[in-house]
């Protein structure tokens, strides 16, 4: 289903849809934007799927391409924290083959977003707050699989705020001074990633309202996100 970030009622009108159906589409579209698809009746979700399947797929070009998942604030927030950890790898003194559990977790989270392409509007980002506890559970699990170092999770964001205005929050939540940073050897990292991958995919599918109607199967293990343009 093409979950659009903008109302496309005029395009349905041009396709010959009745005024009654167009009004219903507008009402349901607005409701979904505010509260998410999970709160709609089954027949209403089916109606939205039918309407959006009838809409022509937009081709790239000025003013015609929807905002990419990678351009959304939530995605860029996760990528920012991942890049900060990757940049600090040398200063942390990681041995050859070692991997931080936090980068693995964020890589897998971004991979899921790349694959499912959720809307990442307000309903999704509000529910994404519940992933804070999910991440902490998995990091606690990783701490027992390797050695534990310390990482300042707040410093990179503080440095960013000195250069530009941003509303981004700390990765581990405001007021959380925990610096736990588990590091895994190659074998433990591979096992951790394999266990985490289906769990984080299922959790994001469960939480994000814009994915409630998605019938896309879980990403296969050999799927990789496309390279950034």
C-alpha atoms as a PDB file:
ATOM      1  CA  UNK A   1       0.000   0.000   0.000  1.00  0.00           C
ATOM      2  CA  UNK A   2       1.271   3.469  -0.837  1.00  0.00           C
ATOM      3  CA  UNK A   3       0.999   5.232   2.498  1.00  0.00           C
ATOM      4  CA  UNK A   4       1.117   8.851   1.373  1.00  0.00           C
ATOM      5  CA  UNK A   5       2.161  11.785   3.529  1.00  0.00           C
ATOM      6  CA  UNK A   6      -0.181  14.079   1.603  1.00  0.00           C
ATOM      7  CA  UNK A   7      -3.839  13.955   0.766  1.00  0.00           C
ATOM      8  CA  UNK A   8      -4.293  12.907  -2.880  1.00  0.00           C
ATOM      9  CA  UNK A   9      -8.060  13.359  -3.117  1.00  0.00           C
ATOM     10  CA  UNK A  10      -7.785  15.479  -6.258  1.00  0.00           C
ATOM     11  CA  UNK A  11      -6.099  12.624  -8.067  1.00  0.00           C
ATOM     12  CA  UNK A  12      -8.936  10.280  -7.084  1.00  0.00           C
ATOM     13  CA  UNK A  13     -11.429  12.851  -8.353  1.00  0.00           C
ATOM     14  CA  UNK A  14      -9.577  12.912 -11.676  1.00  0.00           C
ATOM     15  CA  UNK A  15      -9.835   9.130 -11.781  1.00  0.00           C
ATOM     16  CA  UNK A  16     -13.626   9.391 -11.572  1.00  0.00           C
ATOM     17  CA  UNK A  17     -14.189   8.501  -7.917  1.00  0.00           C
ATOM     18  CA  UNK A  18     -17.510   9.668  -6.491  1.00  0.00           C
ATOM     19  CA  UNK A  19     -17.757  12.669  -4.174  1.00  0.00           C
ATOM     20  CA  UNK A  20     -18.903  10.372  -1.359  1.00  0.00           C
ATOM     21  CA  UNK A  21     -15.886   8.073  -1.743  1.00  0.00           C
ATOM     22  CA  UNK A  22     -13.527  11.038  -1.923  1.00  0.00           C
ATOM     23  CA  UNK A  23     -14.953  12.493   1.293  1.00  0.00           C
ATOM     24  CA  UNK A  24     -14.539   9.112   2.948  1.00  0.00           C
ATOM     25  CA  UNK A  25     -10.935   8.909   1.734  1.00  0.00           C
ATOM     26  CA  UNK A  26     -10.183  12.406   3.077  1.00  0.00           C
ATOM     27  CA  UNK A  27     -11.714  11.627   6.477  1.00  0.00           C
ATOM     28  CA  UNK A  28      -9.877   8.307   6.804  1.00  0.00           C
ATOM     29  CA  UNK A  29      -6.599   9.740   5.568  1.00  0.00           C
ATOM     30  CA  UNK A  30      -6.765  12.543   8.134  1.00  0.00           C
ATOM     31  CA  UNK A  31      -7.668  10.102  10.922  1.00  0.00           C
ATOM     32  CA  UNK A  32      -4.753   7.819  10.024  1.00  0.00           C
ATOM     33  CA  UNK A  33      -2.316  10.730  10.032  1.00  0.00           C
ATOM     34  CA  UNK A  34      -3.428  11.725  13.527  1.00  0.00           C
ATOM     35  CA  UNK A  35      -4.011   8.382  15.210  1.00  0.00           C
ATOM     36  CA  UNK A  36      -2.538   5.662  13.017  1.00  0.00           C
ATOM     37  CA  UNK A  37      -4.077   2.877  10.948  1.00  0.00           C
ATOM     38  CA  UNK A  38      -4.295   0.476  13.887  1.00  0.00           C
ATOM     39  CA  UNK A  39      -7.275   2.456  15.258  1.00  0.00           C
ATOM     40  CA  UNK A  40      -9.301   2.184  12.049  1.00  0.00           C
ATOM     41  CA  UNK A  41     -11.936  -0.447  11.441  1.00  0.00           C
ATOM     42  CA  UNK A  42     -10.887  -3.306   9.160  1.00  0.00           C
ATOM     43  CA  UNK A  43     -13.224  -2.188   6.370  1.00  0.00           C
ATOM     44  CA  UNK A  44     -11.863   1.365   6.582  1.00  0.00           C
ATOM     45  CA  UNK A  45      -8.289   0.120   6.289  1.00  0.00           C
ATOM     46  CA  UNK A  46      -9.348  -1.939   3.288  1.00  0.00           C
ATOM     47  CA  UNK A  47     -10.926   1.146   1.712  1.00  0.00           C
ATOM     48  CA  UNK A  48      -7.704   3.127   2.141  1.00  0.00           C
ATOM     49  CA  UNK A  49      -5.695   0.296   0.599  1.00  0.00           C
ATOM     50  CA  UNK A  50      -8.059   0.273  -2.373  1.00  0.00           C
ATOM     51  CA  UNK A  51      -7.824   4.050  -2.807  1.00  0.00           C
ATOM     52  CA  UNK A  52      -4.051   4.190  -2.582  1.00  0.00           C
ATOM     53  CA  UNK A  53      -3.620   1.205  -4.874  1.00  0.00           C
ATOM     54  CA  UNK A  54      -5.649   3.113  -7.489  1.00  0.00           C
ATOM     55  CA  UNK A  55      -3.374   6.144  -7.305  1.00  0.00           C
ATOM     56  CA  UNK A  56      -0.592   6.311  -9.877  1.00  0.00           C
ATOM     57  CA  UNK A  57       2.887   5.701  -8.532  1.00  0.00           C
ATOM     58  CA  UNK A  58       4.815   8.919  -8.552  1.00  0.00           C
ATOM     59  CA  UNK A  59       7.945   9.091 -10.620  1.00  0.00           C
ATOM     60  CA  UNK A  60      11.024  11.010  -9.629  1.00  0.00           C
ATOM     61  CA  UNK A  61      11.207  14.630 -10.625  1.00  0.00           C
ATOM     62  CA  UNK A  62      10.926  18.054  -9.035  1.00  0.00           C
ATOM     63  CA  UNK A  63       7.987  18.218  -6.662  1.00  0.00           C
ATOM     64  CA  UNK A  64       6.834  14.674  -7.478  1.00  0.00           C
ATOM     65  CA  UNK A  65       8.926  12.367  -5.339  1.00  0.00           C
ATOM     66  CA  UNK A  66       7.948  11.757  -1.734  1.00  0.00           C
ATOM     67  CA  UNK A  67      10.466  12.396   0.992  1.00  0.00           C
ATOM     68  CA  UNK A  68      12.808   9.449   1.338  1.00  0.00           C
ATOM     69  CA  UNK A  69      12.911   7.443   4.552  1.00  0.00           C
ATOM     70  CA  UNK A  70      16.566   8.407   4.957  1.00  0.00           C
ATOM     71  CA  UNK A  71      15.638  12.084   4.884  1.00  0.00           C
ATOM     72  CA  UNK A  72      13.171  11.805   7.769  1.00  0.00           C
ATOM     73  CA  UNK A  73      14.263  13.257  11.120  1.00  0.00           C
ATOM     74  CA  UNK A  74      13.896   9.997  13.061  1.00  0.00           C
ATOM     75  CA  UNK A  75      16.083   8.102  10.597  1.00  0.00           C
ATOM     76  CA  UNK A  76      18.729  10.848  10.561  1.00  0.00           C
ATOM     77  CA  UNK A  77      18.690  10.924  14.386  1.00  0.00           C
ATOM     78  CA  UNK A  78      19.517   7.219  14.555  1.00  0.00           C
ATOM     79  CA  UNK A  79      22.149   7.534  11.825  1.00  0.00           C
ATOM     80  CA  UNK A  80      23.759  10.458  13.669  1.00  0.00           C
ATOM     81  CA  UNK A  81      24.253   8.408  16.827  1.00  0.00           C
ATOM     82  CA  UNK A  82      25.537   5.436  14.834  1.00  0.00           C
ATOM     83  CA  UNK A  83      28.086   7.615  13.028  1.00  0.00           C
ATOM     84  CA  UNK A  84      29.250   9.094  16.342  1.00  0.00           C
ATOM     85  CA  UNK A  85      29.961   5.599  17.651  1.00  0.00           C
ATOM     86  CA  UNK A  86      31.727   4.560  14.466  1.00  0.00           C
ATOM     87  CA  UNK A  87      33.906   7.670  14.622  1.00  0.00           C
ATOM     88  CA  UNK A  88      34.898   6.830  18.206  1.00  0.00           C
ATOM     89  CA  UNK A  89      35.914   3.226  17.441  1.00  0.00           C
ATOM     90  CA  UNK A  90      39.658   3.975  17.388  1.00  0.00           C
ATOM     91  CA  UNK A  91      39.605   5.978  20.612  1.00  0.00           C
ATOM     92  CA  UNK A  92      37.761   3.142  22.348  1.00  0.00           C
ATOM     93  CA  UNK A  93      40.654   0.811  21.604  1.00  0.00           C
ATOM     94  CA  UNK A  94      38.648  -1.932  19.921  1.00  0.00           C
ATOM     95  CA  UNK A  95      40.642  -4.992  18.915  1.00  0.00           C
ATOM     96  CA  UNK A  96      40.567  -6.410  15.396  1.00  0.00           C
ATOM     97  CA  UNK A  97      37.204  -8.082  14.769  1.00  0.00           C
ATOM     98  CA  UNK A  98      35.537  -6.465  17.782  1.00  0.00           C
ATOM     99  CA  UNK A  99      32.176  -4.758  17.344  1.00  0.00           C
ATOM    100  CA  UNK A 100      30.155  -2.583  19.668  1.00  0.00           C
ATOM    101  CA  UNK A 101      26.702  -3.925  20.512  1.00  0.00           C
ATOM    102  CA  UNK A 102      25.182  -0.447  20.149  1.00  0.00           C
ATOM    103  CA  UNK A 103      26.308   0.005  16.520  1.00  0.00           C
ATOM    104  CA  UNK A 104      24.980  -3.459  15.689  1.00  0.00           C
ATOM    105  CA  UNK A 105      21.623  -2.573  17.210  1.00  0.00           C
ATOM    106  CA  UNK A 106      21.367   0.746  15.355  1.00  0.00           C
ATOM    107  CA  UNK A 107      22.493  -0.815  12.069  1.00  0.00           C
ATOM    108  CA  UNK A 108      19.710  -3.380  12.355  1.00  0.00           C
ATOM    109  CA  UNK A 109      17.141  -0.749  13.318  1.00  0.00           C
ATOM    110  CA  UNK A 110      18.053   1.390  10.301  1.00  0.00           C
ATOM    111  CA  UNK A 111      17.975  -1.699   8.088  1.00  0.00           C
ATOM    112  CA  UNK A 112      14.361  -2.350   9.132  1.00  0.00           C
ATOM    113  CA  UNK A 113      13.394   1.264   8.373  1.00  0.00           C
ATOM    114  CA  UNK A 114      15.070   1.067   4.975  1.00  0.00           C
ATOM    115  CA  UNK A 115      13.195  -2.128   4.168  1.00  0.00           C
ATOM    116  CA  UNK A 116       9.665  -1.260   5.348  1.00  0.00           C
ATOM    117  CA  UNK A 117       9.816   2.491   4.653  1.00  0.00           C
ATOM    118  CA  UNK A 118       7.346   3.581   7.376  1.00  0.00           C
ATOM    119  CA  UNK A 119       5.822   7.058   7.149  1.00  0.00           C
ATOM    120  CA  UNK A 120       7.762   8.230  10.240  1.00  0.00           C
ATOM    121  CA  UNK A 121       5.207  10.942  10.899  1.00  0.00           C
ATOM    122  CA  UNK A 122       4.062  11.888  14.384  1.00  0.00           C
ATOM    123  CA  UNK A 123       2.154   8.629  15.112  1.00  0.00           C
ATOM    124  CA  UNK A 124       5.222   6.532  14.263  1.00  0.00           C
ATOM    125  CA  UNK A 125       7.719   8.700  16.122  1.00  0.00           C
ATOM    126  CA  UNK A 126       5.555   8.774  19.246  1.00  0.00           C
ATOM    127  CA  UNK A 127       5.420   4.978  19.303  1.00  0.00           C
ATOM    128  CA  UNK A 128       9.157   4.809  18.545  1.00  0.00           C
ATOM    129  CA  UNK A 129       9.791   6.110  22.062  1.00  0.00           C
ATOM    130  CA  UNK A 130       8.937   2.630  23.291  1.00  0.00           C
ATOM    131  CA  UNK A 131      12.054   1.369  21.525  1.00  0.00           C
ATOM    132  CA  UNK A 132      14.195   2.993  24.238  1.00  0.00           C
ATOM    133  CA  UNK A 133      13.333   0.191  26.666  1.00  0.00           C
ATOM    134  CA  UNK A 134      13.693  -2.410  23.912  1.00  0.00           C
ATOM    135  CA  UNK A 135      17.229  -1.222  23.128  1.00  0.00           C
ATOM    136  CA  UNK A 136      18.234  -1.254  26.788  1.00  0.00           C
ATOM    137  CA  UNK A 137      17.045  -4.851  27.181  1.00  0.00           C
ATOM    138  CA  UNK A 138      19.187  -5.961  24.269  1.00  0.00           C
ATOM    139  CA  UNK A 139      22.224  -4.009  25.450  1.00  0.00           C
ATOM    140  CA  UNK A 140      21.900  -5.614  28.869  1.00  0.00           C
ATOM    141  CA  UNK A 141      21.871  -8.969  27.128  1.00  0.00           C
ATOM    142  CA  UNK A 142      24.952  -8.067  25.095  1.00  0.00           C
ATOM    143  CA  UNK A 143      26.816  -6.980  28.226  1.00  0.00           C
ATOM    144  CA  UNK A 144      26.998 -10.619  29.289  1.00  0.00           C
ATOM    145  CA  UNK A 145      28.472 -11.711  25.964  1.00  0.00           C
ATOM    146  CA  UNK A 146      31.677  -9.657  25.934  1.00  0.00           C
ATOM    147  CA  UNK A 147      33.589  -6.900  27.667  1.00  0.00           C
ATOM    148  CA  UNK A 148      32.017  -3.612  28.694  1.00  0.00           C
ATOM    149  CA  UNK A 149      33.572  -0.262  27.875  1.00  0.00           C
ATOM    150  CA  UNK A 150      32.321   3.267  28.491  1.00  0.00           C
ATOM    151  CA  UNK A 151      30.956   5.695  25.887  1.00  0.00           C
ATOM    152  CA  UNK A 152      29.613   9.218  26.354  1.00  0.00           C
ATOM    153  CA  UNK A 153      26.251   9.070  24.574  1.00  0.00           C
ATOM    154  CA  UNK A 154      25.411  12.719  25.239  1.00  0.00           C
ATOM    155  CA  UNK A 155      28.619  14.460  24.122  1.00  0.00           C
ATOM    156  CA  UNK A 156      28.125  14.087  20.335  1.00  0.00           C
ATOM    157  CA  UNK A 157      24.651  15.600  20.561  1.00  0.00           C
ATOM    158  CA  UNK A 158      25.887  18.455  22.752  1.00  0.00           C
ATOM    159  CA  UNK A 159      28.581  19.204  20.173  1.00  0.00           C
ATOM    160  CA  UNK A 160      25.994  19.201  17.398  1.00  0.00           C
ATOM    161  CA  UNK A 161      23.783  21.639  19.314  1.00  0.00           C
ATOM    162  CA  UNK A 162      26.702  24.054  19.559  1.00  0.00           C
ATOM    163  CA  UNK A 163      26.861  24.158  15.755  1.00  0.00           C
ATOM    164  CA  UNK A 164      23.175  24.093  14.817  1.00  0.00           C
ATOM    165  CA  UNK A 165      19.662  24.144  16.222  1.00  0.00           C
ATOM    166  CA  UNK A 166      18.118  20.737  16.690  1.00  0.00           C
ATOM    167  CA  UNK A 167      15.315  19.186  18.731  1.00  0.00           C
ATOM    168  CA  UNK A 168      16.970  15.757  18.784  1.00  0.00           C
ATOM    169  CA  UNK A 169      17.099  13.980  22.130  1.00  0.00           C
ATOM    170  CA  UNK A 170      19.800  11.718  23.604  1.00  0.00           C
ATOM    171  CA  UNK A 171      19.679   8.155  22.324  1.00  0.00           C
ATOM    172  CA  UNK A 172      19.171   6.644  25.780  1.00  0.00           C
ATOM    173  CA  UNK A 173      16.664   9.260  26.908  1.00  0.00           C
ATOM    174  CA  UNK A 174      17.081  12.524  28.763  1.00  0.00           C
ATOM    175  CA  UNK A 175      18.596  12.210  32.211  1.00  0.00           C
ATOM    176  CA  UNK A 176      20.045   8.763  31.536  1.00  0.00           C
ATOM    177  CA  UNK A 177      23.740   8.952  32.301  1.00  0.00           C
ATOM    178  CA  UNK A 178      24.413   5.270  31.654  1.00  0.00           C
ATOM    179  CA  UNK A 179      27.621   4.916  29.614  1.00  0.00           C
ATOM    180  CA  UNK A 180      27.538   1.121  29.270  1.00  0.00           C
ATOM    181  CA  UNK A 181      29.017   0.126  25.917  1.00  0.00           C
ATOM    182  CA  UNK A 182      29.344  -3.650  25.426  1.00  0.00           C
ATOM    183  CA  UNK A 183      31.947  -4.818  22.924  1.00  0.00           C
ATOM    184  CA  UNK A 184      31.755  -8.271  21.331  1.00  0.00           C
ATOM    185  CA  UNK A 185      34.314 -10.381  19.521  1.00  0.00           C
ATOM    186  CA  UNK A 186      33.514 -11.517  15.979  1.00  0.00           C
ATOM    187  CA  UNK A 187      31.712 -14.730  16.954  1.00  0.00           C
ATOM    188  CA  UNK A 188      29.652 -13.125  19.717  1.00  0.00           C
ATOM    189  CA  UNK A 189      28.787 -10.170  17.462  1.00  0.00           C
ATOM    190  CA  UNK A 190      27.513 -12.479  14.719  1.00  0.00           C
ATOM    191  CA  UNK A 191      25.380 -14.388  17.206  1.00  0.00           C
ATOM    192  CA  UNK A 192      24.017 -11.198  18.755  1.00  0.00           C
ATOM    193  CA  UNK A 193      23.078  -9.787  15.351  1.00  0.00           C
ATOM    194  CA  UNK A 194      21.376 -13.020  14.281  1.00  0.00           C
ATOM    195  CA  UNK A 195      19.278 -13.085  17.455  1.00  0.00           C
ATOM    196  CA  UNK A 196      18.466  -9.367  17.377  1.00  0.00           C
ATOM    197  CA  UNK A 197      17.527  -9.111  13.684  1.00  0.00           C
ATOM    198  CA  UNK A 198      14.092 -10.830  13.724  1.00  0.00           C
ATOM    199  CA  UNK A 199      13.235  -9.359  17.117  1.00  0.00           C
ATOM    200  CA  UNK A 200      13.776  -5.726  16.122  1.00  0.00           C
ATOM    201  CA  UNK A 201      11.956  -6.227  12.832  1.00  0.00           C
ATOM    202  CA  UNK A 202       8.923  -7.647  14.641  1.00  0.00           C
ATOM    203  CA  UNK A 203       8.994  -4.905  17.296  1.00  0.00           C
ATOM    204  CA  UNK A 204       9.014  -2.067  14.765  1.00  0.00           C
ATOM    205  CA  UNK A 205       6.240  -3.734  12.769  1.00  0.00           C
ATOM    206  CA  UNK A 206       4.215  -4.029  15.971  1.00  0.00           C
ATOM    207  CA  UNK A 207       4.774  -0.468  17.143  1.00  0.00           C
ATOM    208  CA  UNK A 208       4.602   1.762  14.074  1.00  0.00           C
ATOM    209  CA  UNK A 209       1.017   2.639  13.085  1.00  0.00           C
ATOM    210  CA  UNK A 210       1.961   3.198   9.434  1.00  0.00           C
ATOM    211  CA  UNK A 211       3.075  -0.441   9.188  1.00  0.00           C
ATOM    212  CA  UNK A 212      -0.060  -1.975  10.676  1.00  0.00           C
ATOM    213  CA  UNK A 213      -1.479  -2.770   7.243  1.00  0.00           C
ATOM    214  CA  UNK A 214       1.787  -3.726   5.606  1.00  0.00           C
ATOM    215  CA  UNK A 215       1.747  -7.217   4.111  1.00  0.00           C
ATOM    216  CA  UNK A 216       5.441  -7.083   3.251  1.00  0.00           C
ATOM    217  CA  UNK A 217       7.254 -10.153   4.599  1.00  0.00           C
ATOM    218  CA  UNK A 218      10.194  -9.872   6.947  1.00  0.00           C
ATOM    219  CA  UNK A 219      13.417  -8.935   5.156  1.00  0.00           C
ATOM    220  CA  UNK A 220      15.495 -11.985   4.196  1.00  0.00           C
ATOM    221  CA  UNK A 221      18.883 -12.324   5.863  1.00  0.00           C
ATOM    222  CA  UNK A 222      20.718 -11.511   2.638  1.00  0.00           C
ATOM    223  CA  UNK A 223      18.783  -8.266   2.076  1.00  0.00           C
ATOM    224  CA  UNK A 224      20.872  -5.126   2.290  1.00  0.00           C
ATOM    225  CA  UNK A 225      19.711  -1.537   2.301  1.00  0.00           C
ATOM    226  CA  UNK A 226      20.456   0.295  -0.949  1.00  0.00           C
ATOM    227  CA  UNK A 227      23.489   2.530  -0.921  1.00  0.00           C
ATOM    228  CA  UNK A 228      22.777   6.154  -0.113  1.00  0.00           C
ATOM    229  CA  UNK A 229      22.711   8.457  -3.147  1.00  0.00           C
END
